[in-house]
Amino acid sequence: MEIIIMDLDDYFISKREEYIMESFKFQSGDVLNNVSVEYMTFGTPKYDDNGCINNVIVYCHGSLGNYASVSKLCPLSYTGGPFDKNEFFIISLSELGAPDSCSPSTTNLNNSFPKYSIEDMVNFQNKFLKDKFGITHVRGIIGNSMGGFVALTCAVLYPDYADFIISGASGYKVAGRNYILSKLVDEIISTDGDYDSGKNTSSLVRTLRLATQAVYSFGISKEALHKIPNSQLDVEFDEFGDEGLLDSIFDVKYCNDATLDYDIEKDLNKIRSKVLIIGINQDQYFPPNLDAIPMHNLIEDSELIIYDSDLGHIGFRELETIEEELSAFMKNFR
């Protein structure tokens, strides 16, 4: 197998690019000008007779991730691999609302930033692809977690936009425990009297830490979590809260708000792209019996892969586990 990169951090820093869109209009009617988009590309662009790139795969990251989250695909982008860098041109951007792209913190608008939805995230991505690359059709879209929301919503809104969709560790609606968890995060942030000031006060720092710690136990599998000694959990719980302080509380709230209304169940029949659904048995956010399997039954001619990972929800980074199945799916799109 060909080794693609030696130092991931240095590689992704070197690949970072920025594009300024002239403007972006939200569903609300609000318009922002000179909109920043952080992104990277790798692979080999191929062109049709009209000079348009026709082998693009777009990668959509999870909540408040960034363009570098595409690292999950890198181990499978070797020559002959499912996402062969010689066959595909892969574009990954930091989505609307993500730090270093157009977001509450990056614009310094904080709580005055326009409210955005998953549909806004789709339109932001599509406008960037058209403005920067002239792309109006892609070979495929791959998204995990909230990125799966973006990929699936794009397939619903624009059925002819992508040949294939891969949705990993994701779902077609935010419901049940996920909804309550999002409501809890919203309640923690909204009830801090300093939030409306739009300033990052010491109270909001404490609130952000609590909101981050509220979701700590959902990342890995219940089994793996149960095996960790309490003394170690104390340390990891505190460290997780500290890491959350690297985010902006305004970015966190807006991103969380965007998930609360996500529900495309009634529109799944509009999808015409070929869909591969990937579930992880130990995923506490999107357990396959509640998300991947029902979605497979609702989307005509979709394919389903379910595998085990102690990493639970973040087990999507272990795609090598299903390399053979991914190769079989992707051979139809070379």
C-alpha atoms as a PDB file:
ATOM      1  CA  MET A   1       0.000   0.000   0.000  1.00  0.00           C
ATOM      2  CA  GLU A   2       1.300   3.453  -0.894  1.00  0.00           C
ATOM      3  CA  ILE A   3       1.972   5.804   2.003  1.00  0.00           C
ATOM      4  CA  ILE A   4       0.406   9.160   1.222  1.00  0.00           C
ATOM      5  CA  ILE A   5       1.504  11.402   4.058  1.00  0.00           C
ATOM      6  CA  MET A   6       3.999  11.263   6.891  1.00  0.00           C
ATOM      7  CA  ASP A   7       2.879  14.052   9.222  1.00  0.00           C
ATOM      8  CA  LEU A   8      -0.860  14.681   9.130  1.00  0.00           C
ATOM      9  CA  ASP A   9      -0.764  18.008  10.983  1.00  0.00           C
ATOM     10  CA  ASP A  10       1.886  19.515   8.723  1.00  0.00           C
ATOM     11  CA  TYR A  11       0.185  18.090   5.647  1.00  0.00           C
ATOM     12  CA  PHE A  12      -3.205  19.615   6.385  1.00  0.00           C
ATOM     13  CA  ILE A  13      -1.737  22.961   7.404  1.00  0.00           C
ATOM     14  CA  SER A  14       0.125  23.070   4.103  1.00  0.00           C
ATOM     15  CA  LYS A  15      -3.040  22.182   2.164  1.00  0.00           C
ATOM     16  CA  ARG A  16      -5.224  24.868   3.752  1.00  0.00           C
ATOM     17  CA  GLU A  17      -6.619  27.467   1.369  1.00  0.00           C
ATOM     18  CA  GLU A  18      -9.086  30.311   1.722  1.00  0.00           C
ATOM     19  CA  TYR A  19     -11.636  31.683  -0.708  1.00  0.00           C
ATOM     20  CA  ILE A  20     -13.751  34.804  -0.294  1.00  0.00           C
ATOM     21  CA  MET A  21     -17.269  34.569  -1.695  1.00  0.00           C
ATOM     22  CA  GLU A  22     -18.716  37.916  -2.706  1.00  0.00           C
ATOM     23  CA  SER A  23     -21.844  37.279  -0.644  1.00  0.00           C
ATOM     24  CA  PHE A  24     -24.102  34.617   0.826  1.00  0.00           C
ATOM     25  CA  LYS A  25     -27.854  34.850   1.380  1.00  0.00           C
ATOM     26  CA  PHE A  26     -29.415  32.857   4.225  1.00  0.00           C
ATOM     27  CA  GLN A  27     -32.897  31.334   4.192  1.00  0.00           C
ATOM     28  CA  SER A  28     -33.884  34.100   6.604  1.00  0.00           C
ATOM     29  CA  GLY A  29     -33.113  36.683   3.928  1.00  0.00           C
ATOM     30  CA  ASP A  30     -30.022  37.963   5.732  1.00  0.00           C
ATOM     31  CA  VAL A  31     -27.010  38.562   3.508  1.00  0.00           C
ATOM     32  CA  LEU A  32     -23.341  38.582   4.481  1.00  0.00           C
ATOM     33  CA  ASN A  33     -20.723  40.020   2.155  1.00  0.00           C
ATOM     34  CA  ASN A  34     -17.090  38.991   1.672  1.00  0.00           C
ATOM     35  CA  VAL A  35     -17.702  35.540   3.102  1.00  0.00           C
ATOM     36  CA  SER A  36     -14.667  33.461   4.043  1.00  0.00           C
ATOM     37  CA  VAL A  37     -14.456  29.760   3.142  1.00  0.00           C
ATOM     38  CA  GLU A  38     -11.631  27.588   4.447  1.00  0.00           C
ATOM     39  CA  TYR A  39     -10.949  24.498   2.349  1.00  0.00           C
ATOM     40  CA  MET A  40      -8.463  22.025   0.930  1.00  0.00           C
ATOM     41  CA  THR A  41      -8.260  19.742  -2.079  1.00  0.00           C
ATOM     42  CA  PHE A  42      -6.329  16.648  -2.982  1.00  0.00           C
ATOM     43  CA  GLY A  43      -6.426  14.159  -5.804  1.00  0.00           C
ATOM     44  CA  THR A  44      -6.532  14.555  -9.552  1.00  0.00           C
ATOM     45  CA  PRO A  45      -9.134  16.740 -11.281  1.00  0.00           C
ATOM     46  CA  LYS A  46     -10.516  15.371 -14.544  1.00  0.00           C
ATOM     47  CA  TYR A  47     -12.483  17.420 -17.040  1.00  0.00           C
ATOM     48  CA  ASP A  48     -15.398  16.884 -19.400  1.00  0.00           C
ATOM     49  CA  ASP A  49     -15.619  18.282 -22.931  1.00  0.00           C
ATOM     50  CA  ASN A  50     -16.837  21.611 -21.546  1.00  0.00           C
ATOM     51  CA  GLY A  51     -13.842  21.999 -19.266  1.00  0.00           C
ATOM     52  CA  CYS A  52     -15.782  21.240 -16.075  1.00  0.00           C
ATOM     53  CA  ILE A  53     -14.305  19.043 -13.348  1.00  0.00           C
ATOM     54  CA  ASN A  54     -16.348  15.838 -13.401  1.00  0.00           C
ATOM     55  CA  ASN A  55     -14.770  13.609 -10.745  1.00  0.00           C
ATOM     56  CA  VAL A  56     -15.329  15.631  -7.563  1.00  0.00           C
ATOM     57  CA  ILE A  57     -16.026  14.046  -4.195  1.00  0.00           C
ATOM     58  CA  VAL A  58     -17.078  16.512  -1.502  1.00  0.00           C
ATOM     59  CA  TYR A  59     -16.391  15.667   2.129  1.00  0.00           C
ATOM     60  CA  CYS A  60     -18.638  17.118   4.876  1.00  0.00           C
ATOM     61  CA  HIS A  61     -17.310  17.143   8.444  1.00  0.00           C
ATOM     62  CA  GLY A  62     -19.175  16.742  11.724  1.00  0.00           C
ATOM     63  CA  SER A  63     -20.245  19.425  14.207  1.00  0.00           C
ATOM     64  CA  LEU A  64     -17.726  22.280  14.402  1.00  0.00           C
ATOM     65  CA  GLY A  65     -15.077  20.231  12.638  1.00  0.00           C
ATOM     66  CA  ASN A  66     -13.089  21.631   9.764  1.00  0.00           C
ATOM     67  CA  TYR A  67     -11.657  20.819   6.356  1.00  0.00           C
ATOM     68  CA  ALA A  68      -8.940  18.617   7.891  1.00  0.00           C
ATOM     69  CA  SER A  69     -11.578  16.098   9.042  1.00  0.00           C
ATOM     70  CA  VAL A  70     -11.205  14.610   5.557  1.00  0.00           C
ATOM     71  CA  SER A  71      -8.197  12.812   7.060  1.00  0.00           C
ATOM     72  CA  LYS A  72     -10.626   9.939   7.638  1.00  0.00           C
ATOM     73  CA  LEU A  73     -10.526   9.250   3.888  1.00  0.00           C
ATOM     74  CA  CYS A  74      -6.764   9.533   3.435  1.00  0.00           C
ATOM     75  CA  PRO A  75      -5.863   5.933   4.388  1.00  0.00           C
ATOM     76  CA  LEU A  76      -8.180   4.743   1.605  1.00  0.00           C
ATOM     77  CA  SER A  77      -7.007   7.175  -1.083  1.00  0.00           C
ATOM     78  CA  TYR A  78      -4.021   5.079  -2.173  1.00  0.00           C
ATOM     79  CA  THR A  79      -3.722   3.908  -5.776  1.00  0.00           C
ATOM     80  CA  GLY A  80      -6.466   1.360  -6.335  1.00  0.00           C
ATOM     81  CA  GLY A  81      -8.183   2.248  -3.054  1.00  0.00           C
ATOM     82  CA  PRO A  82     -11.856   3.163  -2.651  1.00  0.00           C
ATOM     83  CA  PHE A  83     -11.073   6.894  -2.815  1.00  0.00           C
ATOM     84  CA  ASP A  84      -8.077   6.626  -5.147  1.00  0.00           C
ATOM     85  CA  LYS A  85      -6.453  10.062  -5.392  1.00  0.00           C
ATOM     86  CA  ASN A  86      -5.623   9.340  -9.031  1.00  0.00           C
ATOM     87  CA  GLU A  87      -9.286   8.759  -9.867  1.00  0.00           C
ATOM     88  CA  PHE A  88     -11.010  11.433  -7.788  1.00  0.00           C
ATOM     89  CA  PHE A  89     -10.619  15.103  -6.907  1.00  0.00           C
ATOM     90  CA  ILE A  90     -11.607  15.511  -3.261  1.00  0.00           C
ATOM     91  CA  ILE A  91     -12.740  18.853  -1.866  1.00  0.00           C
ATOM     92  CA  SER A  92     -13.241  19.415   1.845  1.00  0.00           C
ATOM     93  CA  LEU A  93     -14.352  22.739   3.280  1.00  0.00           C
ATOM     94  CA  SER A  94     -15.001  24.068   6.739  1.00  0.00           C
ATOM     95  CA  GLU A  95     -18.766  24.381   6.556  1.00  0.00           C
ATOM     96  CA  LEU A  96     -20.962  27.380   7.271  1.00  0.00           C
ATOM     97  CA  GLY A  97     -20.803  28.031  11.021  1.00  0.00           C
ATOM     98  CA  ALA A  98     -17.441  26.324  11.502  1.00  0.00           C
ATOM     99  CA  PRO A  99     -14.505  28.303  12.905  1.00  0.00           C
ATOM    100  CA  ASP A 100     -12.244  29.845  10.227  1.00  0.00           C
ATOM    101  CA  SER A 101     -15.028  29.762   7.657  1.00  0.00           C
ATOM    102  CA  CYS A 102     -18.030  32.068   7.855  1.00  0.00           C
ATOM    103  CA  SER A 103     -19.140  31.679  11.481  1.00  0.00           C
ATOM    104  CA  PRO A 104     -20.313  33.726  14.464  1.00  0.00           C
ATOM    105  CA  SER A 105     -16.774  33.895  15.863  1.00  0.00           C
ATOM    106  CA  THR A 106     -14.878  34.433  12.602  1.00  0.00           C
ATOM    107  CA  THR A 107     -17.120  37.340  11.587  1.00  0.00           C
ATOM    108  CA  ASN A 108     -17.086  38.733  15.152  1.00  0.00           C
ATOM    109  CA  LEU A 109     -20.879  38.937  14.920  1.00  0.00           C
ATOM    110  CA  ASN A 110     -21.193  36.422  17.764  1.00  0.00           C
ATOM    111  CA  ASN A 111     -24.881  36.260  18.786  1.00  0.00           C
ATOM    112  CA  SER A 112     -25.833  38.703  15.999  1.00  0.00           C
ATOM    113  CA  PHE A 113     -24.850  36.192  13.322  1.00  0.00           C
ATOM    114  CA  PRO A 114     -27.805  35.136  11.126  1.00  0.00           C
ATOM    115  CA  LYS A 115     -29.498  31.953  12.266  1.00  0.00           C
ATOM    116  CA  TYR A 116     -28.631  29.146   9.863  1.00  0.00           C
ATOM    117  CA  SER A 117     -30.128  25.756   9.021  1.00  0.00           C
ATOM    118  CA  ILE A 118     -28.844  22.559   7.449  1.00  0.00           C
ATOM    119  CA  GLU A 119     -30.315  23.834   4.177  1.00  0.00           C
ATOM    120  CA  ASP A 120     -28.203  26.981   4.529  1.00  0.00           C
ATOM    121  CA  MET A 121     -25.138  24.786   5.016  1.00  0.00           C
ATOM    122  CA  VAL A 122     -25.960  22.924   1.789  1.00  0.00           C
ATOM    123  CA  ASN A 123     -26.448  26.143  -0.163  1.00  0.00           C
ATOM    124  CA  PHE A 124     -23.250  27.620   1.276  1.00  0.00           C
ATOM    125  CA  GLN A 125     -21.292  24.570   0.152  1.00  0.00           C
ATOM    126  CA  ASN A 126     -22.853  24.477  -3.305  1.00  0.00           C
ATOM    127  CA  LYS A 127     -22.315  28.200  -3.867  1.00  0.00           C
ATOM    128  CA  PHE A 128     -18.663  27.874  -2.906  1.00  0.00           C
ATOM    129  CA  LEU A 129     -18.174  24.961  -5.307  1.00  0.00           C
ATOM    130  CA  LYS A 130     -19.802  26.894  -8.137  1.00  0.00           C
ATOM    131  CA  ASP A 131     -18.087  30.223  -7.454  1.00  0.00           C
ATOM    132  CA  LYS A 132     -14.612  28.801  -6.902  1.00  0.00           C
ATOM    133  CA  PHE A 133     -14.516  25.798  -9.237  1.00  0.00           C
ATOM    134  CA  GLY A 134     -17.489  26.232 -11.575  1.00  0.00           C
ATOM    135  CA  ILE A 135     -18.917  22.967 -10.228  1.00  0.00           C
ATOM    136  CA  THR A 136     -22.664  22.337 -10.539  1.00  0.00           C
ATOM    137  CA  HIS A 137     -22.575  18.534 -10.310  1.00  0.00           C
ATOM    138  CA  VAL A 138     -20.381  16.229  -8.237  1.00  0.00           C
ATOM    139  CA  ARG A 139     -19.532  12.569  -8.393  1.00  0.00           C
ATOM    140  CA  GLY A 140     -20.390  12.149  -4.755  1.00  0.00           C
ATOM    141  CA  ILE A 141     -20.772  13.596  -1.267  1.00  0.00           C
ATOM    142  CA  ILE A 142     -19.451  11.888   1.857  1.00  0.00           C
ATOM    143  CA  GLY A 143     -20.565  13.103   5.269  1.00  0.00           C
ATOM    144  CA  ASN A 144     -20.359  11.802   8.792  1.00  0.00           C
ATOM    145  CA  SER A 145     -22.408  12.869  11.803  1.00  0.00           C
ATOM    146  CA  MET A 146     -23.701  16.406  11.096  1.00  0.00           C
ATOM    147  CA  GLY A 147     -21.889  16.189   7.759  1.00  0.00           C
ATOM    148  CA  GLY A 148     -24.262  13.354   6.943  1.00  0.00           C
ATOM    149  CA  PHE A 149     -27.152  15.779   7.519  1.00  0.00           C
ATOM    150  CA  VAL A 150     -25.614  18.076   4.908  1.00  0.00           C
ATOM    151  CA  ALA A 151     -25.011  15.280   2.389  1.00  0.00           C
ATOM    152  CA  LEU A 152     -28.508  13.824   2.721  1.00  0.00           C
ATOM    153  CA  THR A 153     -30.219  17.222   2.686  1.00  0.00           C
ATOM    154  CA  CYS A 154     -28.361  18.103  -0.505  1.00  0.00           C
ATOM    155  CA  ALA A 155     -29.624  14.869  -2.067  1.00  0.00           C
ATOM    156  CA  VAL A 156     -33.187  15.763  -1.056  1.00  0.00           C
ATOM    157  CA  LEU A 157     -33.089  19.390  -2.202  1.00  0.00           C
ATOM    158  CA  TYR A 158     -31.089  18.813  -5.379  1.00  0.00           C
ATOM    159  CA  PRO A 159     -31.727  15.210  -6.495  1.00  0.00           C
ATOM    160  CA  ASP A 160     -29.508  15.437  -9.593  1.00  0.00           C
ATOM    161  CA  TYR A 161     -26.560  17.134  -7.910  1.00  0.00           C
ATOM    162  CA  ALA A 162     -24.576  14.052  -6.814  1.00  0.00           C
ATOM    163  CA  ASP A 163     -24.205  10.582  -8.289  1.00  0.00           C
ATOM    164  CA  PHE A 164     -23.712   9.038  -4.860  1.00  0.00           C
ATOM    165  CA  ILE A 165     -24.061   9.847  -1.175  1.00  0.00           C
ATOM    166  CA  ILE A 166     -22.227   8.158   1.682  1.00  0.00           C
ATOM    167  CA  SER A 167     -23.793   8.884   5.061  1.00  0.00           C
ATOM    168  CA  GLY A 168     -21.763   7.645   8.013  1.00  0.00           C
ATOM    169  CA  ALA A 169     -22.653   7.597  11.724  1.00  0.00           C
ATOM    170  CA  SER A 170     -25.546   9.901  10.964  1.00  0.00           C
ATOM    171  CA  GLY A 171     -29.314   9.992  10.621  1.00  0.00           C
ATOM    172  CA  TYR A 172     -32.296  11.466   8.813  1.00  0.00           C
ATOM    173  CA  LYS A 173     -33.679  13.384  11.785  1.00  0.00           C
ATOM    174  CA  VAL A 174     -32.758  14.594  15.252  1.00  0.00           C
ATOM    175  CA  ALA A 175     -35.185  12.884  17.591  1.00  0.00           C
ATOM    176  CA  GLY A 176     -35.501  11.224  20.978  1.00  0.00           C
ATOM    177  CA  ARG A 177     -32.332  11.266  23.044  1.00  0.00           C
ATOM    178  CA  ASN A 178     -30.410  13.283  20.452  1.00  0.00           C
ATOM    179  CA  TYR A 179     -33.082  15.966  20.523  1.00  0.00           C
ATOM    180  CA  ILE A 180     -33.102  16.071  24.314  1.00  0.00           C
ATOM    181  CA  LEU A 181     -29.305  16.277  24.385  1.00  0.00           C
ATOM    182  CA  SER A 182     -29.368  19.203  21.949  1.00  0.00           C
ATOM    183  CA  LYS A 183     -32.081  20.858  24.046  1.00  0.00           C
ATOM    184  CA  LEU A 184     -29.927  20.369  27.144  1.00  0.00           C
ATOM    185  CA  VAL A 185     -26.951  22.069  25.501  1.00  0.00           C
ATOM    186  CA  ASP A 186     -29.225  24.902  24.388  1.00  0.00           C
ATOM    187  CA  GLU A 187     -30.667  25.245  27.886  1.00  0.00           C
ATOM    188  CA  ILE A 188     -27.212  25.377  29.478  1.00  0.00           C
ATOM    189  CA  ILE A 189     -26.102  28.168  27.141  1.00  0.00           C
ATOM    190  CA  SER A 190     -29.351  30.129  26.854  1.00  0.00           C
ATOM    191  CA  THR A 191     -29.866  30.409  30.603  1.00  0.00           C
ATOM    192  CA  ASP A 192     -26.524  32.141  31.100  1.00  0.00           C
ATOM    193  CA  GLY A 193     -27.538  35.782  31.425  1.00  0.00           C
ATOM    194  CA  ASP A 194     -24.314  36.893  29.751  1.00  0.00           C
ATOM    195  CA  TYR A 195     -25.070  35.189  26.432  1.00  0.00           C
ATOM    196  CA  ASP A 196     -27.209  38.054  25.147  1.00  0.00           C
ATOM    197  CA  SER A 197     -24.341  40.485  25.681  1.00  0.00           C
ATOM    198  CA  GLY A 198     -22.460  38.956  22.770  1.00  0.00           C
ATOM    199  CA  LYS A 199     -19.241  39.175  24.770  1.00  0.00           C
ATOM    200  CA  ASN A 200     -17.113  36.257  25.910  1.00  0.00           C
ATOM    201  CA  THR A 201     -17.352  36.762  29.684  1.00  0.00           C
ATOM    202  CA  SER A 202     -15.928  34.551  32.432  1.00  0.00           C
ATOM    203  CA  SER A 203     -19.444  33.257  33.057  1.00  0.00           C
ATOM    204  CA  LEU A 204     -19.753  32.161  29.414  1.00  0.00           C
ATOM    205  CA  VAL A 205     -16.396  30.400  29.635  1.00  0.00           C
ATOM    206  CA  ARG A 206     -17.729  28.347  32.544  1.00  0.00           C
ATOM    207  CA  THR A 207     -20.985  27.725  30.664  1.00  0.00           C
ATOM    208  CA  LEU A 208     -19.155  26.567  27.536  1.00  0.00           C
ATOM    209  CA  ARG A 209     -17.182  24.095  29.629  1.00  0.00           C
ATOM    210  CA  LEU A 210     -20.391  22.679  31.120  1.00  0.00           C
ATOM    211  CA  ALA A 211     -22.084  22.452  27.709  1.00  0.00           C
ATOM    212  CA  THR A 212     -19.070  20.570  26.374  1.00  0.00           C
ATOM    213  CA  GLN A 213     -18.941  18.163  29.311  1.00  0.00           C
ATOM    214  CA  ALA A 214     -22.662  17.426  28.910  1.00  0.00           C
ATOM    215  CA  VAL A 215     -21.915  15.403  25.768  1.00  0.00           C
ATOM    216  CA  TYR A 216     -18.693  13.723  26.944  1.00  0.00           C
ATOM    217  CA  SER A 217     -20.141  10.272  27.588  1.00  0.00           C
ATOM    218  CA  PHE A 218     -21.727   9.938  24.138  1.00  0.00           C
ATOM    219  CA  GLY A 219     -18.559   9.910  22.022  1.00  0.00           C
ATOM    220  CA  ILE A 220     -17.220   6.402  22.557  1.00  0.00           C
ATOM    221  CA  SER A 221     -19.106   3.158  23.145  1.00  0.00           C
ATOM    222  CA  LYS A 222     -20.833   2.467  26.460  1.00  0.00           C
ATOM    223  CA  GLU A 223     -18.734  -0.661  26.821  1.00  0.00           C
ATOM    224  CA  ALA A 224     -15.438   1.167  26.348  1.00  0.00           C
ATOM    225  CA  LEU A 225     -16.536   3.931  28.699  1.00  0.00           C
ATOM    226  CA  HIS A 226     -17.500   1.406  31.383  1.00  0.00           C
ATOM    227  CA  LYS A 227     -14.003  -0.110  31.329  1.00  0.00           C
ATOM    228  CA  ILE A 228     -12.269   3.181  32.129  1.00  0.00           C
ATOM    229  CA  PRO A 229     -11.425   3.544  35.860  1.00  0.00           C
ATOM    230  CA  ASN A 230     -13.233   6.401  37.589  1.00  0.00           C
ATOM    231  CA  SER A 231      -9.941   8.094  38.413  1.00  0.00           C
ATOM    232  CA  GLN A 232      -9.116   8.203  34.715  1.00  0.00           C
ATOM    233  CA  LEU A 233     -12.639   9.344  33.863  1.00  0.00           C
ATOM    234  CA  ASP A 234     -12.185  12.283  36.233  1.00  0.00           C
ATOM    235  CA  VAL A 235      -9.098  13.359  34.309  1.00  0.00           C
ATOM    236  CA  GLU A 236     -10.590  12.790  30.858  1.00  0.00           C
ATOM    237  CA  PHE A 237     -13.849  14.534  31.783  1.00  0.00           C
ATOM    238  CA  ASP A 238     -11.927  17.631  32.884  1.00  0.00           C
ATOM    239  CA  GLU A 239      -9.658  17.543  29.836  1.00  0.00           C
ATOM    240  CA  PHE A 240     -12.682  17.242  27.546  1.00  0.00           C
ATOM    241  CA  GLY A 241     -14.183  20.339  29.132  1.00  0.00           C
ATOM    242  CA  ASP A 242     -10.906  22.212  28.737  1.00  0.00           C
ATOM    243  CA  GLU A 243     -10.644  21.233  25.067  1.00  0.00           C
ATOM    244  CA  GLY A 244     -14.128  22.605  24.527  1.00  0.00           C
ATOM    245  CA  LEU A 245     -12.866  26.041  25.521  1.00  0.00           C
ATOM    246  CA  LEU A 246     -10.986  26.160  22.231  1.00  0.00           C
ATOM    247  CA  ASP A 247     -14.392  26.651  20.582  1.00  0.00           C
ATOM    248  CA  SER A 248     -16.536  29.771  20.644  1.00  0.00           C
ATOM    249  CA  ILE A 249     -19.719  29.488  22.686  1.00  0.00           C
ATOM    250  CA  PHE A 250     -21.502  31.355  19.891  1.00  0.00           C
ATOM    251  CA  ASP A 251     -20.307  28.865  17.272  1.00  0.00           C
ATOM    252  CA  VAL A 252     -21.431  26.013  19.526  1.00  0.00           C
ATOM    253  CA  LYS A 253     -24.915  27.423  20.101  1.00  0.00           C
ATOM    254  CA  TYR A 254     -25.584  28.260  16.452  1.00  0.00           C
ATOM    255  CA  CYS A 255     -24.378  24.832  15.335  1.00  0.00           C
ATOM    256  CA  ASN A 256     -26.517  23.138  17.980  1.00  0.00           C
ATOM    257  CA  ASP A 257     -29.545  25.226  16.989  1.00  0.00           C
ATOM    258  CA  ALA A 258     -29.165  24.119  13.365  1.00  0.00           C
ATOM    259  CA  THR A 259     -29.675  20.492  14.390  1.00  0.00           C
ATOM    260  CA  LEU A 260     -32.852  21.024  16.406  1.00  0.00           C
ATOM    261  CA  ASP A 261     -35.130  21.303  13.366  1.00  0.00           C
ATOM    262  CA  TYR A 262     -33.396  18.639  11.272  1.00  0.00           C
ATOM    263  CA  ASP A 263     -35.933  16.113   9.965  1.00  0.00           C
ATOM    264  CA  ILE A 264     -36.002  14.987   6.324  1.00  0.00           C
ATOM    265  CA  GLU A 265     -37.852  11.701   6.854  1.00  0.00           C
ATOM    266  CA  LYS A 266     -40.829  12.648   4.673  1.00  0.00           C
ATOM    267  CA  ASP A 267     -38.529  13.785   1.855  1.00  0.00           C
ATOM    268  CA  LEU A 268     -36.215  10.784   1.601  1.00  0.00           C
ATOM    269  CA  ASN A 269     -38.250   9.508  -1.347  1.00  0.00           C
ATOM    270  CA  LYS A 270     -36.958  12.470  -3.378  1.00  0.00           C
ATOM    271  CA  ILE A 271     -33.408  11.125  -3.345  1.00  0.00           C
ATOM    272  CA  ARG A 272     -32.166   9.869  -6.707  1.00  0.00           C
ATOM    273  CA  SER A 273     -28.485   9.521  -5.842  1.00  0.00           C
ATOM    274  CA  LYS A 274     -27.146   6.085  -5.021  1.00  0.00           C
ATOM    275  CA  VAL A 275     -26.881   6.010  -1.224  1.00  0.00           C
ATOM    276  CA  LEU A 276     -24.548   4.041   1.034  1.00  0.00           C
ATOM    277  CA  ILE A 277     -25.455   4.168   4.714  1.00  0.00           C
ATOM    278  CA  ILE A 278     -22.781   3.309   7.265  1.00  0.00           C
ATOM    279  CA  GLY A 279     -23.745   2.539  10.841  1.00  0.00           C
ATOM    280  CA  ILE A 280     -21.711   1.599  13.895  1.00  0.00           C
ATOM    281  CA  ASN A 281     -23.248  -0.814  16.379  1.00  0.00           C
ATOM    282  CA  GLN A 282     -21.777   1.002  19.377  1.00  0.00           C
ATOM    283  CA  ASP A 283     -22.746   4.517  18.212  1.00  0.00           C
ATOM    284  CA  GLN A 284     -24.654   6.169  21.055  1.00  0.00           C
ATOM    285  CA  TYR A 285     -25.767   9.137  18.965  1.00  0.00           C
ATOM    286  CA  PHE A 286     -27.043   7.161  15.985  1.00  0.00           C
ATOM    287  CA  PRO A 287     -27.553   3.501  16.946  1.00  0.00           C
ATOM    288  CA  PRO A 288     -28.208   1.529  13.743  1.00  0.00           C
ATOM    289  CA  ASN A 289     -31.557   0.145  14.903  1.00  0.00           C
ATOM    290  CA  LEU A 290     -32.896   3.687  15.268  1.00  0.00           C
ATOM    291  CA  ASP A 291     -31.156   5.427  12.377  1.00  0.00           C
ATOM    292  CA  ALA A 292     -29.130   3.502   9.786  1.00  0.00           C
ATOM    293  CA  ILE A 293     -31.519   0.557   9.406  1.00  0.00           C
ATOM    294  CA  PRO A 294     -34.763   2.605   9.211  1.00  0.00           C
ATOM    295  CA  MET A 295     -33.072   5.006   6.786  1.00  0.00           C
ATOM    296  CA  HIS A 296     -31.991   2.072   4.625  1.00  0.00           C
ATOM    297  CA  ASN A 297     -35.615   0.917   4.521  1.00  0.00           C
ATOM    298  CA  LEU A 298     -36.846   4.410   3.620  1.00  0.00           C
ATOM    299  CA  ILE A 299     -34.374   5.121   0.791  1.00  0.00           C
ATOM    300  CA  GLU A 300     -35.038   3.013  -2.274  1.00  0.00           C
ATOM    301  CA  ASP A 301     -32.101   0.978  -3.557  1.00  0.00           C
ATOM    302  CA  SER A 302     -29.770   2.160  -0.779  1.00  0.00           C
ATOM    303  CA  GLU A 303     -26.975  -0.012   0.583  1.00  0.00           C
ATOM    304  CA  LEU A 304     -26.201  -0.589   4.254  1.00  0.00           C
ATOM    305  CA  ILE A 305     -22.983  -1.426   6.085  1.00  0.00           C
ATOM    306  CA  ILE A 306     -22.843  -1.875   9.857  1.00  0.00           C
ATOM    307  CA  TYR A 307     -19.675  -2.618  11.777  1.00  0.00           C
ATOM    308  CA  ASP A 308     -18.320  -2.705  15.327  1.00  0.00           C
ATOM    309  CA  SER A 309     -16.056  -0.120  16.929  1.00  0.00           C
ATOM    310  CA  ASP A 310     -15.212   0.600  20.559  1.00  0.00           C
ATOM    311  CA  LEU A 311     -14.849   4.204  19.436  1.00  0.00           C
ATOM    312  CA  GLY A 312     -18.620   4.324  19.040  1.00  0.00           C
ATOM    313  CA  HIS A 313     -19.756   7.463  17.244  1.00  0.00           C
ATOM    314  CA  ILE A 314     -16.227   8.504  16.337  1.00  0.00           C
ATOM    315  CA  GLY A 315     -15.548   5.047  14.908  1.00  0.00           C
ATOM    316  CA  PHE A 316     -16.131   6.513  11.438  1.00  0.00           C
ATOM    317  CA  ARG A 317     -12.400   7.224  11.506  1.00  0.00           C
ATOM    318  CA  GLU A 318     -11.873   3.461  11.221  1.00  0.00           C
ATOM    319  CA  LEU A 319     -13.091   3.125   7.640  1.00  0.00           C
ATOM    320  CA  GLU A 320     -10.292   0.672   6.902  1.00  0.00           C
ATOM    321  CA  THR A 321     -12.509  -1.823   8.755  1.00  0.00           C
ATOM    322  CA  ILE A 322     -14.902  -1.823   5.792  1.00  0.00           C
ATOM    323  CA  GLU A 323     -12.384  -1.181   3.017  1.00  0.00           C
ATOM    324  CA  GLU A 324     -13.582  -4.120   0.929  1.00  0.00           C
ATOM    325  CA  GLU A 325     -17.222  -3.033   1.091  1.00  0.00           C
ATOM    326  CA  LEU A 326     -16.315   0.560   0.237  1.00  0.00           C
ATOM    327  CA  SER A 327     -14.300  -0.610  -2.758  1.00  0.00           C
ATOM    328  CA  ALA A 328     -17.277  -2.615  -4.013  1.00  0.00           C
ATOM    329  CA  PHE A 329     -19.551   0.439  -3.726  1.00  0.00           C
ATOM    330  CA  MET A 330     -17.107   2.904  -5.254  1.00  0.00           C
ATOM    331  CA  LYS A 331     -16.252   0.774  -8.300  1.00  0.00           C
ATOM    332  CA  ASN A 332     -19.557   1.946  -9.794  1.00  0.00           C
ATOM    333  CA  PHE A 333     -18.387   5.566  -9.816  1.00  0.00           C
ATOM    334  CA  ARG A 334     -14.913   5.451 -11.326  1.00  0.00           C
END
